[in-house]
PDB file of N, CA and C in Angstrom:
ATOM      1  N   UNK A   1      21.791   8.235   4.600  1.00  0.00           N
ATOM      2  CA  UNK A   1      22.127   6.879   4.215  1.00  0.00           C
ATOM      3  C   UNK A   1      22.387   6.844   2.714  1.00  0.00           C
ATOM      4  N   UNK A   2      23.499   6.319   2.323  1.00  0.00           N
ATOM      5  CA  UNK A   2      23.850   6.215   0.919  1.00  0.00           C
ATOM      6  C   UNK A   2      23.418   4.857   0.397  1.00  0.00           C
ATOM      7  N   UNK A   3      22.738   4.882  -0.736  1.00  0.00           N
ATOM      8  CA  UNK A   3      22.322   3.635  -1.366  1.00  0.00           C
ATOM      9  C   UNK A   3      23.079   3.489  -2.677  1.00  0.00           C
ATOM     10  N   UNK A   4      23.343   2.240  -3.054  1.00  0.00           N
ATOM     11  CA  UNK A   4      24.015   2.055  -4.330  1.00  0.00           C
ATOM     12  C   UNK A   4      22.990   2.052  -5.458  1.00  0.00           C
ATOM     13  N   UNK A   5      23.476   2.078  -6.666  1.00  0.00           N
ATOM     14  CA  UNK A   5      22.605   2.166  -7.835  1.00  0.00           C
ATOM     15  C   UNK A   5      21.624   1.001  -7.918  1.00  0.00           C
ATOM     16  N   UNK A   6      22.081  -0.173  -7.555  1.00  0.00           N
ATOM     17  CA  UNK A   6      21.219  -1.360  -7.632  1.00  0.00           C
ATOM     18  C   UNK A   6      20.037  -1.245  -6.668  1.00  0.00           C
ATOM     19  N   UNK A   7      20.297  -0.772  -5.449  1.00  0.00           N
ATOM     20  CA  UNK A   7      19.216  -0.594  -4.471  1.00  0.00           C
ATOM     21  C   UNK A   7      18.196   0.429  -4.950  1.00  0.00           C
ATOM     22  N   UNK A   8      18.687   1.538  -5.480  1.00  0.00           N
ATOM     23  CA  UNK A   8      17.786   2.583  -5.970  1.00  0.00           C
ATOM     24  C   UNK A   8      16.990   2.066  -7.161  1.00  0.00           C
ATOM     25  N   UNK A   9      17.648   1.367  -8.073  1.00  0.00           N
ATOM     26  CA  UNK A   9      16.951   0.814  -9.238  1.00  0.00           C
ATOM     27  C   UNK A   9      15.880  -0.181  -8.810  1.00  0.00           C
ATOM     28  N   UNK A  10      16.181  -1.003  -7.824  1.00  0.00           N
ATOM     29  CA  UNK A  10      15.195  -1.969  -7.327  1.00  0.00           C
ATOM     30  C   UNK A  10      14.004  -1.263  -6.694  1.00  0.00           C
ATOM     31  N   UNK A  11      14.270  -0.240  -5.896  1.00  0.00           N
ATOM     32  CA  UNK A  11      13.189   0.519  -5.270  1.00  0.00           C
ATOM     33  C   UNK A  11      12.327   1.202  -6.325  1.00  0.00           C
ATOM     34  N   UNK A  12      12.962   1.817  -7.308  1.00  0.00           N
ATOM     35  CA  UNK A  12      12.200   2.465  -8.375  1.00  0.00           C
ATOM     36  C   UNK A  12      11.396   1.442  -9.172  1.00  0.00           C
ATOM     37  N   UNK A  13      11.922   0.229  -9.305  1.00  0.00           N
ATOM     38  CA  UNK A  13      11.173  -0.838  -9.969  1.00  0.00           C
ATOM     39  C   UNK A  13       9.902  -1.179  -9.213  1.00  0.00           C
ATOM     40  N   UNK A  14       9.995  -1.237  -7.898  1.00  0.00           N
ATOM     41  CA  UNK A  14       8.807  -1.512  -7.076  1.00  0.00           C
ATOM     42  C   UNK A  14       7.792  -0.386  -7.235  1.00  0.00           C
ATOM     43  N   UNK A  15       8.274   0.835  -7.338  1.00  0.00           N
ATOM     44  CA  UNK A  15       7.382   1.992  -7.461  1.00  0.00           C
ATOM     45  C   UNK A  15       6.851   2.182  -8.880  1.00  0.00           C
ATOM     46  N   UNK A  16       7.318   1.402  -9.832  1.00  0.00           N
ATOM     47  CA  UNK A  16       6.921   1.604 -11.227  1.00  0.00           C
ATOM     48  C   UNK A  16       5.654   0.847 -11.622  1.00  0.00           C
ATOM     49  N   UNK A  17       5.053   0.137 -10.692  1.00  0.00           N
ATOM     50  CA  UNK A  17       3.852  -0.645 -10.991  1.00  0.00           C
ATOM     51  C   UNK A  17       2.596   0.129 -10.584  1.00  0.00           C
ATOM     52  N   UNK A  18       1.615   0.204 -11.481  1.00  0.00           N
ATOM     53  CA  UNK A  18       0.390   0.977 -11.214  1.00  0.00           C
ATOM     54  C   UNK A  18      -0.373   0.454 -10.003  1.00  0.00           C
ATOM     55  N   UNK A  19      -0.487  -0.864  -9.886  1.00  0.00           N
ATOM     56  CA  UNK A  19      -1.243  -1.431  -8.763  1.00  0.00           C
ATOM     57  C   UNK A  19      -0.556  -1.110  -7.438  1.00  0.00           C
ATOM     58  N   UNK A  20       0.767  -1.203  -7.404  1.00  0.00           N
ATOM     59  CA  UNK A  20       1.478  -0.885  -6.166  1.00  0.00           C
ATOM     60  C   UNK A  20       1.362   0.596  -5.828  1.00  0.00           C
ATOM     61  N   UNK A  21       1.397   1.451  -6.834  1.00  0.00           N
ATOM     62  CA  UNK A  21       1.183   2.880  -6.579  1.00  0.00           C
ATOM     63  C   UNK A  21      -0.224   3.124  -6.045  1.00  0.00           C
ATOM     64  N   UNK A  22      -1.190   2.412  -6.583  1.00  0.00           N
ATOM     65  CA  UNK A  22      -2.578   2.543  -6.104  1.00  0.00           C
ATOM     66  C   UNK A  22      -2.662   2.116  -4.639  1.00  0.00           C
ATOM     67  N   UNK A  23      -2.042   1.005  -4.309  1.00  0.00           N
ATOM     68  CA  UNK A  23      -2.033   0.530  -2.923  1.00  0.00           C
ATOM     69  C   UNK A  23      -1.397   1.579  -2.011  1.00  0.00           C
ATOM     70  N   UNK A  24      -0.253   2.100  -2.401  1.00  0.00           N
ATOM     71  CA  UNK A  24       0.417   3.117  -1.582  1.00  0.00           C
ATOM     72  C   UNK A  24      -0.450   4.358  -1.431  1.00  0.00           C
ATOM     73  N   UNK A  25      -1.110   4.747  -2.498  1.00  0.00           N
ATOM     74  CA  UNK A  25      -1.991   5.916  -2.446  1.00  0.00           C
ATOM     75  C   UNK A  25      -3.136   5.693  -1.471  1.00  0.00           C
ATOM     76  N   UNK A  26      -3.723   4.506  -1.498  1.00  0.00           N
ATOM     77  CA  UNK A  26      -4.817   4.186  -0.572  1.00  0.00           C
ATOM     78  C   UNK A  26      -4.319   4.132   0.867  1.00  0.00           C
ATOM     79  N   UNK A  27      -3.137   3.555   1.069  1.00  0.00           N
ATOM     80  CA  UNK A  27      -2.590   3.461   2.423  1.00  0.00           C
ATOM     81  C   UNK A  27      -2.127   4.811   2.941  1.00  0.00           C
ATOM     82  N   UNK A  28      -1.859   5.734   2.042  1.00  0.00           N
ATOM     83  CA  UNK A  28      -1.541   7.098   2.465  1.00  0.00           C
ATOM     84  C   UNK A  28      -2.756   7.703   3.169  1.00  0.00           C
ATOM     85  N   UNK A  29      -3.952   7.276   2.752  1.00  0.00           N
ATOM     86  CA  UNK A  29      -5.190   7.789   3.351  1.00  0.00           C
ATOM     87  C   UNK A  29      -5.456   7.165   4.711  1.00  0.00           C
ATOM     88  N   UNK A  30      -5.207   5.853   4.834  1.00  0.00           N
ATOM     89  CA  UNK A  30      -5.532   5.166   6.087  1.00  0.00           C
ATOM     90  C   UNK A  30      -5.035   3.728   6.034  1.00  0.00           C
ATOM     91  N   UNK A  31      -4.935   3.124   7.195  1.00  0.00           N
ATOM     92  CA  UNK A  31      -4.654   1.701   7.298  1.00  0.00           C
ATOM     93  C   UNK A  31      -5.837   0.949   6.691  1.00  0.00           C
ATOM     94  N   UNK A  32      -5.546  -0.112   5.930  1.00  0.00           N
ATOM     95  CA  UNK A  32      -6.612  -0.872   5.283  1.00  0.00           C
ATOM     96  C   UNK A  32      -6.388  -2.363   5.456  1.00  0.00           C
ATOM     97  N   UNK A  33      -7.489  -3.073   5.555  1.00  0.00           N
ATOM     98  CA  UNK A  33      -7.475  -4.531   5.619  1.00  0.00           C
ATOM     99  C   UNK A  33      -7.254  -5.075   4.203  1.00  0.00           C
ATOM    100  N   UNK A  34      -6.664  -6.241   4.110  1.00  0.00           N
ATOM    101  CA  UNK A  34      -6.446  -6.859   2.803  1.00  0.00           C
ATOM    102  C   UNK A  34      -7.761  -6.978   2.043  1.00  0.00           C
ATOM    103  N   UNK A  35      -8.836  -7.341   2.732  1.00  0.00           N
ATOM    104  CA  UNK A  35     -10.120  -7.491   2.041  1.00  0.00           C
ATOM    105  C   UNK A  35     -10.599  -6.159   1.463  1.00  0.00           C
ATOM    106  N   UNK A  36     -10.274  -5.054   2.113  1.00  0.00           N
ATOM    107  CA  UNK A  36     -10.625  -3.736   1.575  1.00  0.00           C
ATOM    108  C   UNK A  36      -9.780  -3.429   0.339  1.00  0.00           C
ATOM    109  N   UNK A  37      -8.507  -3.735   0.419  1.00  0.00           N
ATOM    110  CA  UNK A  37      -7.630  -3.512  -0.733  1.00  0.00           C
ATOM    111  C   UNK A  37      -8.076  -4.344  -1.930  1.00  0.00           C
ATOM    112  N   UNK A  38      -8.554  -5.558  -1.677  1.00  0.00           N
ATOM    113  CA  UNK A  38      -9.036  -6.412  -2.762  1.00  0.00           C
ATOM    114  C   UNK A  38     -10.201  -5.770  -3.503  1.00  0.00           C
ATOM    115  N   UNK A  39     -10.999  -4.998  -2.798  1.00  0.00           N
ATOM    116  CA  UNK A  39     -12.138  -4.337  -3.431  1.00  0.00           C
ATOM    117  C   UNK A  39     -11.746  -3.019  -4.090  1.00  0.00           C
ATOM    118  N   UNK A  40     -10.706  -2.389  -3.611  1.00  0.00           N
ATOM    119  CA  UNK A  40     -10.317  -1.062  -4.101  1.00  0.00           C
ATOM    120  C   UNK A  40      -9.240  -1.081  -5.184  1.00  0.00           C
ATOM    121  N   UNK A  41      -8.530  -2.190  -5.300  1.00  0.00           N
ATOM    122  CA  UNK A  41      -7.429  -2.287  -6.263  1.00  0.00           C
ATOM    123  C   UNK A  41      -7.775  -3.354  -7.297  1.00  0.00           C
ATOM    124  N   UNK A  42      -7.716  -3.001  -8.576  1.00  0.00           N
ATOM    125  CA  UNK A  42      -7.997  -4.007  -9.607  1.00  0.00           C
ATOM    126  C   UNK A  42      -6.994  -5.157  -9.539  1.00  0.00           C
ATOM    127  N   UNK A  43      -7.483  -6.360  -9.720  1.00  0.00           N
ATOM    128  CA  UNK A  43      -6.621  -7.535  -9.719  1.00  0.00           C
ATOM    129  C   UNK A  43      -7.158  -8.613  -8.801  1.00  0.00           C
ATOM    130  N   UNK A  44      -6.594  -9.787  -8.938  1.00  0.00           N
ATOM    131  CA  UNK A  44      -7.015 -10.918  -8.117  1.00  0.00           C
ATOM    132  C   UNK A  44      -6.436 -10.798  -6.708  1.00  0.00           C
ATOM    133  N   UNK A  45      -6.993 -11.568  -5.797  1.00  0.00           N
ATOM    134  CA  UNK A  45      -6.500 -11.590  -4.420  1.00  0.00           C
ATOM    135  C   UNK A  45      -5.035 -12.007  -4.401  1.00  0.00           C
ATOM    136  N   UNK A  46      -4.694 -12.994  -5.199  1.00  0.00           N
ATOM    137  CA  UNK A  46      -3.317 -13.476  -5.267  1.00  0.00           C
ATOM    138  C   UNK A  46      -2.377 -12.381  -5.765  1.00  0.00           C
ATOM    139  N   UNK A  47      -2.808 -11.658  -6.779  1.00  0.00           N
ATOM    140  CA  UNK A  47      -2.001 -10.587  -7.344  1.00  0.00           C
ATOM    141  C   UNK A  47      -1.772  -9.478  -6.324  1.00  0.00           C
ATOM    142  N   UNK A  48      -2.820  -9.097  -5.614  1.00  0.00           N
ATOM    143  CA  UNK A  48      -2.706  -8.041  -4.598  1.00  0.00           C
ATOM    144  C   UNK A  48      -1.777  -8.490  -3.475  1.00  0.00           C
ATOM    145  N   UNK A  49      -1.893  -9.749  -3.075  1.00  0.00           N
ATOM    146  CA  UNK A  49      -0.994 -10.284  -2.044  1.00  0.00           C
ATOM    147  C   UNK A  49       0.462 -10.222  -2.492  1.00  0.00           C
ATOM    148  N   UNK A  50       0.720 -10.504  -3.760  1.00  0.00           N
ATOM    149  CA  UNK A  50       2.085 -10.420  -4.284  1.00  0.00           C
ATOM    150  C   UNK A  50       2.595  -8.983  -4.245  1.00  0.00           C
ATOM    151  N   UNK A  51       1.733  -8.038  -4.610  1.00  0.00           N
ATOM    152  CA  UNK A  51       2.130  -6.631  -4.549  1.00  0.00           C
ATOM    153  C   UNK A  51       2.449  -6.219  -3.111  1.00  0.00           C
ATOM    154  N   UNK A  52       1.605  -6.624  -2.181  1.00  0.00           N
ATOM    155  CA  UNK A  52       1.837  -6.292  -0.771  1.00  0.00           C
ATOM    156  C   UNK A  52       3.137  -6.913  -0.271  1.00  0.00           C
ATOM    157  N   UNK A  53       3.419  -8.120  -0.704  1.00  0.00           N
ATOM    158  CA  UNK A  53       4.659  -8.790  -0.317  1.00  0.00           C
ATOM    159  C   UNK A  53       5.879  -8.009  -0.812  1.00  0.00           C
ATOM    160  N   UNK A  54       5.822  -7.515  -2.034  1.00  0.00           N
ATOM    161  CA  UNK A  54       6.938  -6.724  -2.567  1.00  0.00           C
ATOM    162  C   UNK A  54       7.088  -5.413  -1.805  1.00  0.00           C
ATOM    163  N   UNK A  55       5.977  -4.781  -1.486  1.00  0.00           N
ATOM    164  CA  UNK A  55       6.036  -3.533  -0.723  1.00  0.00           C
ATOM    165  C   UNK A  55       6.602  -3.777   0.674  1.00  0.00           C
ATOM    166  N   UNK A  56       6.240  -4.906   1.281  1.00  0.00           N
ATOM    167  CA  UNK A  56       6.790  -5.258   2.597  1.00  0.00           C
ATOM    168  C   UNK A  56       8.278  -5.544   2.506  1.00  0.00           C
ATOM    169  N   UNK A  57       8.709  -6.201   1.443  1.00  0.00           N
ATOM    170  CA  UNK A  57      10.125  -6.545   1.282  1.00  0.00           C
ATOM    171  C   UNK A  57      11.000  -5.293   1.254  1.00  0.00           C
ATOM    172  N   UNK A  58      10.449  -4.189   0.784  1.00  0.00           N
ATOM    173  CA  UNK A  58      11.186  -2.926   0.750  1.00  0.00           C
ATOM    174  C   UNK A  58      10.853  -2.035   1.944  1.00  0.00           C
ATOM    175  N   UNK A  59      10.148  -2.612   2.927  1.00  0.00           N
ATOM    176  CA  UNK A  59       9.786  -1.896   4.163  1.00  0.00           C
ATOM    177  C   UNK A  59       8.979  -0.630   3.881  1.00  0.00           C
ATOM    178  N   UNK A  60       8.146  -0.664   2.846  1.00  0.00           N
ATOM    179  CA  UNK A  60       7.305   0.479   2.514  1.00  0.00           C
ATOM    180  C   UNK A  60       5.966   0.409   3.229  1.00  0.00           C
ATOM    181  N   UNK A  61       5.550  -0.806   3.589  1.00  0.00           N
ATOM    182  CA  UNK A  61       4.306  -1.000   4.330  1.00  0.00           C
ATOM    183  C   UNK A  61       4.568  -1.943   5.494  1.00  0.00           C
ATOM    184  N   UNK A  62       3.723  -1.844   6.506  1.00  0.00           N
ATOM    185  CA  UNK A  62       3.812  -2.755   7.645  1.00  0.00           C
ATOM    186  C   UNK A  62       2.501  -3.503   7.781  1.00  0.00           C
ATOM    187  N   UNK A  63       2.597  -4.685   8.324  1.00  0.00           N
ATOM    188  CA  UNK A  63       1.458  -5.581   8.490  1.00  0.00           C
ATOM    189  C   UNK A  63       1.151  -5.737   9.968  1.00  0.00           C
ATOM    190  N   UNK A  64      -0.134  -5.643  10.303  1.00  0.00           N
ATOM    191  CA  UNK A  64      -0.609  -5.920  11.651  1.00  0.00           C
ATOM    192  C   UNK A  64      -1.730  -6.934  11.536  1.00  0.00           C
ATOM    193  N   UNK A  65      -1.641  -8.003  12.317  1.00  0.00           N
ATOM    194  CA  UNK A  65      -2.704  -9.013  12.305  1.00  0.00           C
ATOM    195  C   UNK A  65      -3.604  -8.795  13.502  1.00  0.00           C
ATOM    196  N   UNK A  66      -4.894  -8.840  13.244  1.00  0.00           N
ATOM    197  CA  UNK A  66      -5.909  -8.770  14.295  1.00  0.00           C
ATOM    198  C   UNK A  66      -6.862  -9.928  14.070  1.00  0.00           C
ATOM    199  N   UNK A  67      -6.639 -10.993  14.834  1.00  0.00           N
ATOM    200  CA  UNK A  67      -7.421 -12.201  14.603  1.00  0.00           C
ATOM    201  C   UNK A  67      -7.094 -12.748  13.225  1.00  0.00           C
ATOM    202  N   UNK A  68      -8.127 -12.991  12.441  1.00  0.00           N
ATOM    203  CA  UNK A  68      -7.921 -13.523  11.092  1.00  0.00           C
ATOM    204  C   UNK A  68      -7.670 -12.430  10.055  1.00  0.00           C
ATOM    205  N   UNK A  69      -7.711 -11.179  10.467  1.00  0.00           N
ATOM    206  CA  UNK A  69      -7.619 -10.056   9.538  1.00  0.00           C
ATOM    207  C   UNK A  69      -6.201  -9.499   9.495  1.00  0.00           C
ATOM    208  N   UNK A  70      -5.767  -9.143   8.306  1.00  0.00           N
ATOM    209  CA  UNK A  70      -4.445  -8.546   8.096  1.00  0.00           C
ATOM    210  C   UNK A  70      -4.619  -7.107   7.633  1.00  0.00           C
ATOM    211  N   UNK A  71      -4.007  -6.182   8.375  1.00  0.00           N
ATOM    212  CA  UNK A  71      -4.101  -4.754   8.067  1.00  0.00           C
ATOM    213  C   UNK A  71      -2.740  -4.230   7.639  1.00  0.00           C
ATOM    214  N   UNK A  72      -2.757  -3.379   6.637  1.00  0.00           N
ATOM    215  CA  UNK A  72      -1.535  -2.759   6.140  1.00  0.00           C
ATOM    216  C   UNK A  72      -1.610  -1.256   6.316  1.00  0.00           C
ATOM    217  N   UNK A  73      -0.441  -0.664   6.546  1.00  0.00           N
ATOM    218  CA  UNK A  73      -0.320   0.794   6.590  1.00  0.00           C
ATOM    219  C   UNK A  73       1.062   1.148   6.072  1.00  0.00           C
ATOM    220  N   UNK A  74       1.232   2.419   5.743  1.00  0.00           N
ATOM    221  CA  UNK A  74       2.547   2.870   5.304  1.00  0.00           C
ATOM    222  C   UNK A  74       3.533   2.777   6.462  1.00  0.00           C
ATOM    223  N   UNK A  75       4.754   2.443   6.161  1.00  0.00           N
ATOM    224  CA  UNK A  75       5.802   2.423   7.177  1.00  0.00           C
ATOM    225  C   UNK A  75       6.076   3.837   7.663  1.00  0.00           C
ATOM    226  N   UNK A  76       6.549   3.928   8.881  1.00  0.00           N
ATOM    227  CA  UNK A  76       6.826   5.237   9.471  1.00  0.00           C
ATOM    228  C   UNK A  76       8.041   5.924   8.854  1.00  0.00           C
ATOM    229  N   UNK A  77       9.043   5.165   8.497  1.00  0.00           N
ATOM    230  CA  UNK A  77      10.302   5.745   8.002  1.00  0.00           C
ATOM    231  C   UNK A  77      10.504   5.424   6.524  1.00  0.00           C
ATOM    232  N   UNK A  78       9.735   6.093   5.683  1.00  0.00           N
ATOM    233  CA  UNK A  78       9.848   5.869   4.249  1.00  0.00           C
ATOM    234  C   UNK A  78      11.050   6.624   3.688  1.00  0.00           C
ATOM    235  N   UNK A  79      11.720   6.035   2.702  1.00  0.00           N
ATOM    236  CA  UNK A  79      12.798   6.774   2.039  1.00  0.00           C
ATOM    237  C   UNK A  79      12.250   8.063   1.410  1.00  0.00           C
ATOM    238  N   UNK A  80      13.091   9.069   1.330  1.00  0.00           N
ATOM    239  CA  UNK A  80      12.671  10.371   0.792  1.00  0.00           C
ATOM    240  C   UNK A  80      12.085  10.249  -0.610  1.00  0.00           C
ATOM    241  N   UNK A  81      12.666   9.397  -1.440  1.00  0.00           N
ATOM    242  CA  UNK A  81      12.154   9.249  -2.803  1.00  0.00           C
ATOM    243  C   UNK A  81      10.717   8.725  -2.791  1.00  0.00           C
ATOM    244  N   UNK A  82      10.398   7.852  -1.850  1.00  0.00           N
ATOM    245  CA  UNK A  82       9.033   7.325  -1.747  1.00  0.00           C
ATOM    246  C   UNK A  82       8.085   8.424  -1.280  1.00  0.00           C
ATOM    247  N   UNK A  83       8.513   9.213  -0.320  1.00  0.00           N
ATOM    248  CA  UNK A  83       7.702  10.342   0.142  1.00  0.00           C
ATOM    249  C   UNK A  83       7.414  11.297  -1.008  1.00  0.00           C
ATOM    250  N   UNK A  84       8.405  11.532  -1.839  1.00  0.00           N
ATOM    251  CA  UNK A  84       8.208  12.410  -2.991  1.00  0.00           C
ATOM    252  C   UNK A  84       7.224  11.808  -3.986  1.00  0.00           C
ATOM    253  N   UNK A  85       7.340  10.513  -4.242  1.00  0.00           N
ATOM    254  CA  UNK A  85       6.398   9.846  -5.148  1.00  0.00           C
ATOM    255  C   UNK A  85       4.985   9.913  -4.573  1.00  0.00           C
ATOM    256  N   UNK A  86       4.841   9.665  -3.277  1.00  0.00           N
ATOM    257  CA  UNK A  86       3.517   9.722  -2.644  1.00  0.00           C
ATOM    258  C   UNK A  86       2.882  11.100  -2.797  1.00  0.00           C
ATOM    259  N   UNK A  87       3.692  12.133  -2.779  1.00  0.00           N
ATOM    260  CA  UNK A  87       3.149  13.487  -2.920  1.00  0.00           C
ATOM    261  C   UNK A  87       2.582  13.721  -4.318  1.00  0.00           C
ATOM    262  N   UNK A  88       2.984  12.918  -5.276  1.00  0.00           N
ATOM    263  CA  UNK A  88       2.488  13.042  -6.649  1.00  0.00           C
ATOM    264  C   UNK A  88       1.204  12.257  -6.889  1.00  0.00           C
ATOM    265  N   UNK A  89       0.887  11.341  -5.990  1.00  0.00           N
ATOM    266  CA  UNK A  89      -0.280  10.475  -6.173  1.00  0.00           C
ATOM    267  C   UNK A  89      -1.560  11.184  -5.755  1.00  0.00           C
ATOM    268  N   UNK A  90      -2.689  10.766  -6.338  1.00  0.00           N
ATOM    269  CA  UNK A  90      -3.972  11.379  -5.969  1.00  0.00           C
ATOM    270  C   UNK A  90      -4.281  11.186  -4.489  1.00  0.00           C
ATOM    271  N   UNK A  91      -4.989  12.142  -3.936  1.00  0.00           N
ATOM    272  CA  UNK A  91      -5.458  12.061  -2.551  1.00  0.00           C
ATOM    273  C   UNK A  91      -6.661  11.120  -2.528  1.00  0.00           C
ATOM    274  N   UNK A  92      -6.560  10.030  -1.794  1.00  0.00           N
ATOM    275  CA  UNK A  92      -7.623   9.024  -1.774  1.00  0.00           C
ATOM    276  C   UNK A  92      -8.414   9.023  -0.467  1.00  0.00           C
ATOM    277  N   UNK A  93      -8.216  10.030   0.371  1.00  0.00           N
ATOM    278  CA  UNK A  93      -8.921  10.049   1.664  1.00  0.00           C
ATOM    279  C   UNK A  93     -10.433  10.006   1.493  1.00  0.00           C
ATOM    280  N   UNK A  94     -10.959  10.796   0.576  1.00  0.00           N
ATOM    281  CA  UNK A  94     -12.407  10.819   0.371  1.00  0.00           C
ATOM    282  C   UNK A  94     -12.898   9.486  -0.184  1.00  0.00           C
ATOM    283  N   UNK A  95     -12.153   8.912  -1.097  1.00  0.00           N
ATOM    284  CA  UNK A  95     -12.522   7.616  -1.662  1.00  0.00           C
ATOM    285  C   UNK A  95     -12.574   6.539  -0.580  1.00  0.00           C
ATOM    286  N   UNK A  96     -11.567   6.500   0.269  1.00  0.00           N
ATOM    287  CA  UNK A  96     -11.530   5.510   1.351  1.00  0.00           C
ATOM    288  C   UNK A  96     -12.671   5.761   2.327  1.00  0.00           C
ATOM    289  N   UNK A  97     -12.911   7.003   2.653  1.00  0.00           N
ATOM    290  CA  UNK A  97     -14.006   7.353   3.563  1.00  0.00           C
ATOM    291  C   UNK A  97     -15.353   6.929   2.986  1.00  0.00           C
ATOM    292  N   UNK A  98     -15.575   7.216   1.714  1.00  0.00           N
ATOM    293  CA  UNK A  98     -16.834   6.823   1.066  1.00  0.00           C
ATOM    294  C   UNK A  98     -16.972   5.308   1.001  1.00  0.00           C
ATOM    295  N   UNK A  99     -15.881   4.623   0.720  1.00  0.00           N
ATOM    296  CA  UNK A  99     -15.890   3.161   0.672  1.00  0.00           C
ATOM    297  C   UNK A  99     -16.276   2.589   2.030  1.00  0.00           C
ATOM    298  N   UNK A 100     -15.683   3.130   3.075  1.00  0.00           N
ATOM    299  CA  UNK A 100     -15.985   2.633   4.421  1.00  0.00           C
ATOM    300  C   UNK A 100     -17.416   2.949   4.830  1.00  0.00           C
ATOM    301  N   UNK A 101     -17.947   4.068   4.358  1.00  0.00           N
ATOM    302  CA  UNK A 101     -19.327   4.436   4.685  1.00  0.00           C
ATOM    303  C   UNK A 101     -20.312   3.416   4.118  1.00  0.00           C
ATOM    304  N   UNK A 102     -19.920   2.744   3.042  1.00  0.00           N
ATOM    305  CA  UNK A 102     -20.773   1.709   2.456  1.00  0.00           C
ATOM    306  C   UNK A 102     -20.744   0.427   3.280  1.00  0.00           C
ATOM    307  N   UNK A 103     -19.776   0.316   4.169  1.00  0.00           N
ATOM    308  CA  UNK A 103     -19.658  -0.864   5.029  1.00  0.00           C
ATOM    309  C   UNK A 103     -18.570  -1.791   4.545  1.00  0.00           C
ATOM    310  N   UNK A 104     -17.674  -2.117   5.422  1.00  0.00           N
ATOM    311  CA  UNK A 104     -16.565  -3.005   5.107  1.00  0.00           C
ATOM    312  C   UNK A 104     -16.927  -4.424   5.491  1.00  0.00           C
ATOM    313  N   UNK A 105     -16.445  -5.373   4.708  1.00  0.00           N
ATOM    314  CA  UNK A 105     -16.699  -6.772   5.049  1.00  0.00           C
ATOM    315  C   UNK A 105     -15.709  -7.291   6.081  1.00  0.00           C
ATOM    316  N   UNK A 106     -14.719  -6.492   6.422  1.00  0.00           N
ATOM    317  CA  UNK A 106     -13.746  -6.901   7.434  1.00  0.00           C
ATOM    318  C   UNK A 106     -14.401  -6.924   8.811  1.00  0.00           C
ATOM    319  N   UNK A 107     -13.919  -7.847   9.604  1.00  0.00           N
ATOM    320  CA  UNK A 107     -14.356  -7.982  10.999  1.00  0.00           C
ATOM    321  C   UNK A 107     -15.855  -8.198  11.148  1.00  0.00           C
ATOM    322  N   UNK A 108     -16.459  -8.819  10.146  1.00  0.00           N
ATOM    323  CA  UNK A 108     -17.888  -9.140  10.266  1.00  0.00           C
ATOM    324  C   UNK A 108     -18.095 -10.622  10.350  1.00  0.00           C
TER     325      UNK A 108
END
C-alpha cells in the first residue's frame, strides 16, 4: 500500500508523543483496561483518553467494551513503520505482569 507524504507525516506525528509510545509499549505486552492505563501512564484520565482516541483514529489500537469497562489492545494489522517503532520500545511484559499481581481495580 502506497501512502502519501501527508499520511506518513501524520502517522509519525502520532508516534512522536512519549505518552502514546508508552501506551503502545504497554499494549505490546497485553490488552489493558483504561483504568490500568491510567495508573501506568503519567497524565490525567482525560489526557490518556485523548491519546487513545488518536491511536484509534490511526487504527493502531482497538477497543473492546465489557460491561462498563473499556479494553485496548494493539491492532492486528499495524503498518510496518509502527511495527519497527514497537521493536525499539522497552519490553513491558514484566512491568504489566507485576502491576497485575498487585491487583487491578478493573472489574471489581
